[in-house]
């Protein structure tokens, strides 16, 4: 059975909202917000320009600057300068920031693993089978 694109989009949007809220609850007692955890994840592979971070997270530069200010205040990130252009501000993870990111990720994965344990083998296989399509969907944008 083929589902119309609009209906599929509405259903996926609803499910994504539920996933986001569920994962926020799983990490609600952490020292950082879900959004801050996401920013830390964006810095996992090295320093990033503030403008790149803002674009990736779909926020304006002043909003990202405020996030980085809070993370820097808590010693989770450090600011720097781009080697090719000293006017460009970058942010990078500190060792403490990497620990917070690892802890947050582990909590989320552990929570999801517990939820998956409640599914049947067939249901887990269905989720696994959908992952390549979701990868394609999310990389298109």
N, C-alpha and C. Protein backbone atom coordinates (compact mmCIF):
# COMPACT_ATOMS: atom_id res chain seq x y z
N UNK A 1 0.83 -1.18 0.00
CA UNK A 1 0.00 0.00 0.00
C UNK A 1 0.88 1.25 0.00
N UNK A 2 0.62 2.14 -0.93
CA UNK A 2 1.37 3.37 -1.04
C UNK A 2 0.68 4.46 -0.22
N UNK A 3 1.45 5.14 0.60
CA UNK A 3 0.92 6.23 1.42
C UNK A 3 1.27 7.54 0.73
N UNK A 4 0.30 8.44 0.56
CA UNK A 4 0.60 9.74 -0.06
C UNK A 4 1.69 10.48 0.71
N UNK A 5 2.53 11.21 -0.01
CA UNK A 5 3.67 11.90 0.60
C UNK A 5 3.25 12.81 1.75
N UNK A 6 2.18 13.55 1.57
CA UNK A 6 1.75 14.49 2.61
C UNK A 6 1.35 13.74 3.89
N UNK A 7 0.60 12.67 3.74
CA UNK A 7 0.18 11.88 4.91
C UNK A 7 1.39 11.25 5.60
N UNK A 8 2.31 10.74 4.80
CA UNK A 8 3.53 10.16 5.37
C UNK A 8 4.32 11.22 6.12
N UNK A 9 4.41 12.42 5.54
CA UNK A 9 5.14 13.51 6.19
C UNK A 9 4.48 13.87 7.53
N UNK A 10 3.16 13.93 7.56
CA UNK A 10 2.45 14.24 8.80
C UNK A 10 2.70 13.17 9.86
N UNK A 11 2.65 11.91 9.46
CA UNK A 11 2.85 10.82 10.40
C UNK A 11 4.29 10.79 10.92
N UNK A 12 5.26 11.00 10.03
CA UNK A 12 6.66 11.02 10.46
C UNK A 12 6.92 12.21 11.38
N UNK A 13 6.36 13.37 11.05
CA UNK A 13 6.52 14.55 11.89
C UNK A 13 6.03 14.28 13.31
N UNK A 14 4.88 13.64 13.42
CA UNK A 14 4.33 13.31 14.74
C UNK A 14 5.27 12.37 15.49
N UNK A 15 5.76 11.34 14.80
CA UNK A 15 6.65 10.38 15.46
C UNK A 15 7.97 11.03 15.87
N UNK A 16 8.50 11.91 15.02
CA UNK A 16 9.74 12.60 15.36
C UNK A 16 9.56 13.47 16.61
N UNK A 17 8.42 14.11 16.72
CA UNK A 17 8.13 14.90 17.92
C UNK A 17 8.16 14.01 19.15
N UNK A 18 7.53 12.85 19.05
CA UNK A 18 7.52 11.92 20.19
C UNK A 18 8.94 11.46 20.54
N UNK A 19 9.75 11.19 19.54
CA UNK A 19 11.13 10.76 19.78
C UNK A 19 11.91 11.87 20.48
N UNK A 20 11.79 13.09 19.98
CA UNK A 20 12.52 14.22 20.58
C UNK A 20 12.11 14.40 22.04
N UNK A 21 10.82 14.39 22.30
CA UNK A 21 10.36 14.56 23.69
C UNK A 21 10.81 13.42 24.59
N UNK A 22 10.76 12.20 24.07
CA UNK A 22 11.19 11.04 24.84
C UNK A 22 12.67 11.14 25.19
N UNK A 23 13.51 11.53 24.24
CA UNK A 23 14.94 11.63 24.49
C UNK A 23 15.26 12.81 25.41
N UNK A 24 14.50 13.87 25.31
CA UNK A 24 14.69 14.99 26.25
C UNK A 24 14.40 14.54 27.68
N UNK A 25 13.34 13.76 27.84
CA UNK A 25 13.03 13.26 29.19
C UNK A 25 14.13 12.34 29.70
N UNK A 26 14.72 11.57 28.82
CA UNK A 26 15.77 10.62 29.23
C UNK A 26 17.01 11.34 29.75
N UNK A 27 17.22 12.58 29.31
CA UNK A 27 18.42 13.32 29.73
C UNK A 27 18.07 14.61 30.47
N UNK A 28 16.86 14.70 30.99
CA UNK A 28 16.39 15.93 31.63
C UNK A 28 17.20 16.33 32.86
N UNK A 29 17.83 15.37 33.52
CA UNK A 29 18.56 15.69 34.74
C UNK A 29 20.03 16.04 34.47
N UNK A 30 20.41 16.16 33.22
CA UNK A 30 21.80 16.51 32.90
C UNK A 30 22.05 17.99 33.09
N UNK A 31 23.32 18.36 33.13
CA UNK A 31 23.68 19.76 33.34
C UNK A 31 23.47 20.60 32.09
N UNK A 32 23.26 19.98 30.93
CA UNK A 32 23.04 20.72 29.69
C UNK A 32 21.67 20.37 29.11
N UNK A 33 21.14 21.29 28.31
CA UNK A 33 19.87 21.05 27.65
C UNK A 33 20.09 20.14 26.44
N UNK A 34 19.00 19.64 25.89
CA UNK A 34 19.09 18.80 24.70
C UNK A 34 19.73 19.58 23.55
N UNK A 35 19.39 20.86 23.42
CA UNK A 35 19.98 21.68 22.36
C UNK A 35 21.47 21.86 22.57
N UNK A 36 21.88 22.09 23.81
CA UNK A 36 23.31 22.23 24.10
C UNK A 36 24.05 20.93 23.83
N UNK A 37 23.42 19.81 24.16
CA UNK A 37 24.02 18.51 23.87
C UNK A 37 24.21 18.33 22.37
N UNK A 38 23.24 18.79 21.61
CA UNK A 38 23.34 18.72 20.16
C UNK A 38 24.49 19.58 19.64
N UNK A 39 24.68 20.75 20.21
CA UNK A 39 25.80 21.62 19.82
C UNK A 39 27.12 20.94 20.15
N UNK A 40 27.21 20.32 21.33
CA UNK A 40 28.43 19.60 21.69
C UNK A 40 28.72 18.50 20.66
N UNK A 41 27.67 17.81 20.23
CA UNK A 41 27.83 16.77 19.22
C UNK A 41 28.36 17.32 17.90
N UNK A 42 27.99 18.53 17.57
CA UNK A 42 28.47 19.17 16.34
C UNK A 42 29.96 19.49 16.41
N UNK A 43 30.49 19.55 17.61
CA UNK A 43 31.92 19.88 17.81
C UNK A 43 32.77 18.63 18.02
N UNK A 44 32.16 17.48 17.96
CA UNK A 44 32.84 16.23 18.28
C UNK A 44 34.06 15.96 17.41
N UNK A 45 34.02 16.37 16.16
CA UNK A 45 35.12 16.05 15.24
C UNK A 45 36.07 17.21 15.00
N UNK A 46 36.03 18.21 15.86
CA UNK A 46 36.96 19.32 15.75
C UNK A 46 36.28 20.67 15.79
N UNK A 47 37.10 21.72 15.85
CA UNK A 47 36.55 23.08 15.95
C UNK A 47 35.66 23.41 14.75
N UNK A 48 34.67 24.24 15.01
CA UNK A 48 33.75 24.67 13.95
C UNK A 48 33.56 26.18 14.04
N UNK A 49 33.34 26.80 12.90
CA UNK A 49 33.01 28.22 12.86
C UNK A 49 31.63 28.43 13.47
N UNK A 50 31.48 29.54 14.12
CA UNK A 50 30.19 29.86 14.72
C UNK A 50 29.09 29.95 13.66
N UNK A 51 29.42 30.51 12.51
CA UNK A 51 28.43 30.62 11.44
C UNK A 51 27.99 29.25 10.94
N UNK A 52 28.92 28.30 10.86
CA UNK A 52 28.57 26.93 10.46
C UNK A 52 27.64 26.28 11.48
N UNK A 53 27.95 26.47 12.75
CA UNK A 53 27.11 25.90 13.81
C UNK A 53 25.69 26.46 13.74
N UNK A 54 25.59 27.76 13.57
CA UNK A 54 24.28 28.39 13.48
C UNK A 54 23.49 27.84 12.30
N UNK A 55 24.13 27.71 11.16
CA UNK A 55 23.45 27.19 9.97
C UNK A 55 23.03 25.74 10.18
N UNK A 56 23.91 24.91 10.74
CA UNK A 56 23.59 23.50 10.97
C UNK A 56 22.39 23.33 11.90
N UNK A 57 22.30 24.18 12.90
CA UNK A 57 21.24 24.05 13.90
C UNK A 57 19.99 24.87 13.56
N UNK A 58 20.05 25.57 12.43
CA UNK A 58 18.89 26.32 11.99
C UNK A 58 18.53 27.50 12.88
N UNK A 59 19.56 28.15 13.42
CA UNK A 59 19.34 29.32 14.27
C UNK A 59 20.17 30.48 13.74
N UNK A 60 19.85 31.66 14.22
CA UNK A 60 20.63 32.83 13.83
C UNK A 60 21.92 32.87 14.65
N UNK A 61 22.89 33.59 14.14
CA UNK A 61 24.20 33.67 14.80
C UNK A 61 24.11 34.17 16.25
N UNK A 62 23.29 35.18 16.57
CA UNK A 62 23.21 35.60 17.98
C UNK A 62 22.70 34.49 18.91
N UNK A 63 21.80 33.66 18.40
CA UNK A 63 21.29 32.54 19.20
C UNK A 63 22.40 31.53 19.47
N UNK A 64 23.17 31.21 18.42
CA UNK A 64 24.28 30.27 18.61
C UNK A 64 25.34 30.87 19.51
N UNK A 65 25.59 32.15 19.38
CA UNK A 65 26.57 32.81 20.25
C UNK A 65 26.14 32.69 21.71
N UNK A 66 24.86 32.85 21.99
CA UNK A 66 24.36 32.70 23.36
C UNK A 66 24.56 31.27 23.86
N UNK A 67 24.30 30.28 22.99
CA UNK A 67 24.53 28.87 23.38
C UNK A 67 26.00 28.64 23.71
N UNK A 68 26.87 29.10 22.83
CA UNK A 68 28.31 28.92 23.04
C UNK A 68 28.76 29.66 24.29
N UNK A 69 28.21 30.83 24.54
CA UNK A 69 28.56 31.57 25.77
C UNK A 69 28.26 30.72 27.01
N UNK A 70 27.09 30.10 27.04
CA UNK A 70 26.73 29.26 28.20
C UNK A 70 27.65 28.04 28.30
N UNK A 71 27.92 27.42 27.18
CA UNK A 71 28.79 26.24 27.18
C UNK A 71 30.22 26.61 27.56
N UNK A 72 30.67 27.77 27.14
CA UNK A 72 32.01 28.24 27.50
C UNK A 72 32.06 28.58 29.00
N UNK A 73 31.01 29.21 29.50
CA UNK A 73 30.93 29.53 30.92
C UNK A 73 31.06 28.27 31.78
N UNK A 74 30.48 27.17 31.30
CA UNK A 74 30.52 25.90 32.02
C UNK A 74 31.75 25.05 31.67
N UNK A 75 32.70 25.64 30.95
CA UNK A 75 33.97 24.99 30.57
C UNK A 75 33.77 23.77 29.68
N UNK A 76 32.71 23.77 28.89
CA UNK A 76 32.44 22.64 28.00
C UNK A 76 32.97 22.90 26.59
N UNK A 77 33.13 24.16 26.23
CA UNK A 77 33.73 24.54 24.95
C UNK A 77 34.71 25.68 25.18
N UNK A 78 35.58 25.85 24.22
CA UNK A 78 36.51 26.98 24.20
C UNK A 78 36.39 27.67 22.85
N UNK A 79 36.53 28.97 22.87
CA UNK A 79 36.54 29.73 21.63
C UNK A 79 37.96 29.79 21.09
N UNK A 80 38.05 29.96 19.80
CA UNK A 80 39.34 30.12 19.16
C UNK A 80 39.19 30.97 17.91
N UNK A 81 40.24 31.00 17.13
CA UNK A 81 40.24 31.74 15.87
C UNK A 81 40.61 30.79 14.75
N UNK A 82 40.07 31.05 13.60
CA UNK A 82 40.37 30.26 12.41
C UNK A 82 41.78 30.60 11.96
N UNK A 83 42.58 29.58 11.66
CA UNK A 83 43.97 29.79 11.25
C UNK A 83 44.11 30.58 9.97
N UNK A 84 43.14 30.47 9.07
CA UNK A 84 43.23 31.17 7.79
C UNK A 84 42.62 32.56 7.83
N UNK A 85 41.83 32.87 8.85
CA UNK A 85 41.19 34.18 8.96
C UNK A 85 40.95 34.48 10.43
N UNK A 86 41.80 35.31 11.01
CA UNK A 86 41.75 35.59 12.44
C UNK A 86 40.46 36.28 12.88
N UNK A 87 39.68 36.79 11.92
CA UNK A 87 38.40 37.42 12.28
C UNK A 87 37.33 36.38 12.58
N UNK A 88 37.55 35.15 12.14
CA UNK A 88 36.54 34.10 12.27
C UNK A 88 36.65 33.44 13.65
N UNK A 89 35.53 33.42 14.38
CA UNK A 89 35.48 32.80 15.70
C UNK A 89 35.08 31.32 15.54
N UNK A 90 35.80 30.47 16.24
CA UNK A 90 35.48 29.04 16.24
C UNK A 90 35.18 28.59 17.66
N UNK A 91 34.60 27.41 17.75
CA UNK A 91 34.34 26.79 19.06
C UNK A 91 34.83 25.36 18.98
N UNK A 92 35.37 24.87 20.08
CA UNK A 92 35.82 23.47 20.13
C UNK A 92 35.48 22.90 21.50
N UNK A 93 35.32 21.58 21.51
CA UNK A 93 35.04 20.87 22.75
C UNK A 93 36.24 20.88 23.68
N UNK A 94 35.97 20.99 24.96
CA UNK A 94 37.00 20.75 25.96
C UNK A 94 36.90 19.28 26.38
N UNK A 95 37.83 18.82 27.17
CA UNK A 95 37.76 17.44 27.68
C UNK A 95 36.49 17.25 28.51
N UNK A 96 36.13 18.25 29.30
CA UNK A 96 34.90 18.17 30.09
C UNK A 96 33.69 18.11 29.17
N UNK A 97 33.69 18.91 28.12
CA UNK A 97 32.60 18.90 27.16
C UNK A 97 32.45 17.55 26.48
N UNK A 98 33.58 16.93 26.17
CA UNK A 98 33.54 15.59 25.55
C UNK A 98 32.95 14.58 26.53
N UNK A 99 33.28 14.68 27.80
CA UNK A 99 32.71 13.78 28.82
C UNK A 99 31.20 13.96 28.94
N UNK A 100 30.74 15.22 28.94
CA UNK A 100 29.31 15.50 29.03
C UNK A 100 28.60 14.95 27.80
N UNK A 101 29.19 15.13 26.62
CA UNK A 101 28.61 14.60 25.39
C UNK A 101 28.52 13.08 25.44
N UNK A 102 29.58 12.43 25.87
CA UNK A 102 29.59 10.97 25.97
C UNK A 102 28.53 10.48 26.93
N UNK A 103 28.42 11.14 28.08
CA UNK A 103 27.42 10.74 29.07
C UNK A 103 26.00 10.92 28.51
N UNK A 104 25.75 12.04 27.89
CA UNK A 104 24.42 12.29 27.32
C UNK A 104 24.07 11.29 26.24
N UNK A 105 25.03 11.01 25.39
CA UNK A 105 24.80 10.03 24.32
C UNK A 105 24.53 8.64 24.90
N UNK A 106 25.31 8.25 25.90
CA UNK A 106 25.11 6.94 26.52
C UNK A 106 23.74 6.82 27.17
N UNK A 107 23.30 7.89 27.81
CA UNK A 107 21.97 7.87 28.43
C UNK A 107 20.89 7.68 27.37
N UNK A 108 21.01 8.40 26.28
CA UNK A 108 20.01 8.30 25.20
C UNK A 108 20.03 6.91 24.58
N UNK A 109 21.20 6.41 24.29
CA UNK A 109 21.31 5.08 23.67
C UNK A 109 20.80 4.01 24.63
N UNK A 110 21.16 4.13 25.90
CA UNK A 110 20.67 3.16 26.88
C UNK A 110 19.15 3.19 27.00
N UNK A 111 18.60 4.38 26.99
CA UNK A 111 17.14 4.52 27.06
C UNK A 111 16.47 3.89 25.85
N UNK A 112 17.01 4.19 24.66
CA UNK A 112 16.45 3.60 23.44
C UNK A 112 16.60 2.08 23.44
N UNK A 113 17.74 1.59 23.88
CA UNK A 113 17.96 0.14 23.92
C UNK A 113 16.93 -0.53 24.81
N UNK A 114 16.63 0.08 25.95
CA UNK A 114 15.59 -0.47 26.83
C UNK A 114 14.24 -0.50 26.13
N UNK A 115 13.93 0.55 25.38
CA UNK A 115 12.66 0.60 24.65
C UNK A 115 12.63 -0.46 23.55
N UNK A 116 13.74 -0.62 22.85
CA UNK A 116 13.81 -1.65 21.79
C UNK A 116 13.66 -3.04 22.36
N UNK A 117 14.13 -3.25 23.59
CA UNK A 117 14.00 -4.57 24.22
C UNK A 117 12.54 -4.97 24.40
N UNK A 118 11.66 -3.99 24.45
CA UNK A 118 10.24 -4.27 24.59
C UNK A 118 9.53 -4.58 23.29
N UNK A 119 10.24 -4.49 22.19
CA UNK A 119 9.66 -4.80 20.88
C UNK A 119 9.92 -6.26 20.52
N UNK A 120 9.12 -6.77 19.63
CA UNK A 120 9.35 -8.12 19.12
C UNK A 120 10.54 -8.09 18.15
N UNK A 121 11.04 -9.26 17.84
CA UNK A 121 12.13 -9.37 16.87
C UNK A 121 11.70 -8.77 15.54
N UNK A 122 10.47 -9.02 15.14
CA UNK A 122 9.96 -8.50 13.87
C UNK A 122 9.86 -6.98 13.89
N UNK A 123 9.43 -6.42 15.02
CA UNK A 123 9.32 -4.97 15.12
C UNK A 123 10.69 -4.31 15.08
N UNK A 124 11.67 -4.91 15.76
CA UNK A 124 13.04 -4.37 15.69
C UNK A 124 13.59 -4.47 14.28
N UNK A 125 13.29 -5.56 13.59
CA UNK A 125 13.73 -5.73 12.20
C UNK A 125 13.09 -4.67 11.31
N UNK A 126 11.83 -4.33 11.56
CA UNK A 126 11.15 -3.30 10.77
C UNK A 126 11.82 -1.94 10.98
N UNK A 127 12.18 -1.63 12.22
CA UNK A 127 12.87 -0.37 12.50
C UNK A 127 14.23 -0.37 11.78
N UNK A 128 14.95 -1.47 11.89
CA UNK A 128 16.26 -1.57 11.24
C UNK A 128 16.13 -1.43 9.72
N UNK A 129 15.09 -2.02 9.16
CA UNK A 129 14.89 -1.95 7.70
C UNK A 129 14.58 -0.53 7.26
N UNK A 130 13.99 0.28 8.13
CA UNK A 130 13.66 1.67 7.77
C UNK A 130 14.86 2.60 7.84
N UNK A 131 15.93 2.21 8.52
CA UNK A 131 17.05 3.11 8.73
C UNK A 131 17.70 3.60 7.43
N UNK A 132 17.96 2.75 6.43
CA UNK A 132 18.54 3.28 5.18
C UNK A 132 17.66 4.34 4.51
N UNK A 133 16.35 4.15 4.52
CA UNK A 133 15.45 5.13 3.94
C UNK A 133 15.50 6.43 4.73
N UNK A 134 15.58 6.33 6.06
CA UNK A 134 15.67 7.53 6.89
C UNK A 134 17.00 8.25 6.65
N UNK A 135 18.08 7.50 6.49
CA UNK A 135 19.37 8.11 6.17
C UNK A 135 19.26 8.92 4.87
N UNK A 136 18.64 8.33 3.87
CA UNK A 136 18.47 9.01 2.57
C UNK A 136 17.58 10.24 2.73
N UNK A 137 16.51 10.10 3.46
CA UNK A 137 15.58 11.21 3.68
C UNK A 137 16.28 12.39 4.37
N UNK A 138 17.04 12.10 5.42
CA UNK A 138 17.66 13.15 6.20
C UNK A 138 18.89 13.75 5.54
N UNK A 139 19.54 13.02 4.65
CA UNK A 139 20.72 13.57 3.97
C UNK A 139 20.32 14.44 2.79
N UNK A 140 19.07 14.40 2.39
CA UNK A 140 18.62 15.15 1.22
C UNK A 140 18.45 16.64 1.49
N UNK A 141 18.49 17.02 2.76
CA UNK A 141 18.10 18.37 3.05
C UNK A 141 19.09 19.34 3.42
